[in-house]
Structures are given as C-alpha cells and as structure tokens.
Amino acid sequence: MIARRCERAVVTAYRELRGRDTPDPLAFQACTTLYRIHHPEASLSEARRLVAEWIDHHVVRQDTGPTPGCDCPQ
C-alpha cells in the first residue's frame, strides 16, 4: 500500500494513463503536473525526479516497499 496521498495519486494516474495507451512522455508529464498540484513549492526538476523514482519503483519494478519521497503527511 502506498502511504503518501500524492504518491498514490501519481502512480494511479500513470497506470491509468498508460492503460489507455497514452504515450509514456505524456503520461509522465501529466504525473509531474499532478505532483506539482499537490506540492506547488516543488521545483520542476524535483517533481520529475520523484515521479520518475515512484514510477520506476511501483510500476517498472513492481516493488511494494517504501520509497524515498516528499515530506508530506500520509
């Protein structure tokens, strides 16, 4: 289970977009935007880094363990 709301939202959105044949770059960009809606204080590079880490962790490797991430409440 993904504890952080922003992380869960990003991973769910990515999976759903890719499941609807959205090209990877567009799905990634949408998820980066979604992250920044949750965290407007985050820089674009920080958002891209976290989104990439979360997608790699949860989608590519299908790992269920904890991930590094933001400091937002769970």
Protein backbone atom coordinates (compact mmCIF):
# COMPACT_ATOMS: atom_id res chain seq x y z
CA MET A 1 0.00 0.00 0.00
CA ILE A 2 1.25 3.48 -0.86
CA ALA A 3 1.06 5.73 2.18
CA ARG A 4 1.53 9.22 0.72
CA ARG A 5 -1.55 10.64 -0.98
CA CYS A 6 0.49 12.46 -3.62
CA GLU A 7 2.50 9.31 -4.40
CA ARG A 8 -0.64 7.20 -4.65
CA ALA A 9 -2.26 9.80 -6.94
CA VAL A 10 0.79 9.92 -9.21
CA VAL A 11 1.17 6.15 -9.53
CA THR A 12 -2.56 5.61 -10.06
CA ALA A 13 -2.72 8.33 -12.72
CA TYR A 14 0.34 6.94 -14.51
CA ARG A 15 -1.07 3.42 -14.59
CA GLU A 16 -4.45 4.61 -15.81
CA LEU A 17 -2.99 6.84 -18.50
CA ARG A 18 -0.69 4.11 -19.79
CA GLY A 19 -3.60 1.66 -19.65
CA ARG A 20 -5.43 3.96 -22.04
CA ASP A 21 -2.48 3.97 -24.46
CA THR A 22 -1.25 7.42 -23.52
CA PRO A 23 2.37 7.67 -24.68
CA ASP A 24 4.88 7.45 -21.84
CA PRO A 25 6.23 11.02 -22.19
CA LEU A 26 2.71 12.48 -21.98
CA ALA A 27 1.77 10.29 -19.02
CA PHE A 28 4.98 11.27 -17.25
CA GLN A 29 4.37 14.97 -17.92
CA ALA A 30 0.80 14.71 -16.63
CA CYS A 31 2.00 12.99 -13.46
CA THR A 32 4.68 15.62 -12.92
CA THR A 33 1.98 18.28 -13.18
CA LEU A 34 -0.20 16.31 -10.75
CA TYR A 35 2.66 16.14 -8.26
CA ARG A 36 3.14 19.89 -8.51
CA ILE A 37 -0.55 20.45 -7.82
CA HIS A 38 -0.04 18.57 -4.54
CA HIS A 39 3.27 20.37 -3.95
CA PRO A 40 3.33 23.80 -5.62
CA GLU A 41 6.53 24.60 -3.73
CA ALA A 42 8.41 21.84 -5.57
CA SER A 43 10.68 22.72 -8.46
CA LEU A 44 10.07 21.10 -11.81
CA SER A 45 13.30 19.11 -11.51
CA GLU A 46 12.37 17.86 -8.03
CA ALA A 47 8.92 16.83 -9.27
CA ARG A 48 10.39 15.00 -12.26
CA ARG A 49 12.89 13.17 -10.07
CA LEU A 50 10.30 11.97 -7.57
CA VAL A 51 7.77 10.98 -10.22
CA ALA A 52 10.46 9.02 -12.09
CA GLU A 53 11.51 7.26 -8.87
CA TRP A 54 7.94 6.37 -7.97
CA ILE A 55 7.10 5.07 -11.44
CA ASP A 56 10.28 3.01 -11.51
CA HIS A 57 9.63 1.64 -8.04
CA HIS A 58 5.91 0.87 -8.26
CA VAL A 59 5.29 0.30 -11.97
CA VAL A 60 8.53 -0.87 -13.55
CA ARG A 61 9.95 -2.95 -10.69
CA GLN A 62 6.55 -3.59 -9.03
CA ASP A 63 8.19 -3.16 -5.64
CA THR A 64 5.83 -2.81 -2.68
CA GLY A 65 8.34 -1.47 -0.18
CA PRO A 66 8.65 2.15 0.96
CA THR A 67 10.09 4.77 -1.34
CA PRO A 68 12.07 7.94 -0.83
CA GLY A 69 9.92 10.94 -1.36
CA CYS A 70 8.40 14.13 -0.19
CA ASP A 71 7.77 15.17 3.39
CA CYS A 72 4.02 15.48 3.08
CA PRO A 73 1.75 13.82 5.62
CA GLN A 74 0.47 10.40 4.94
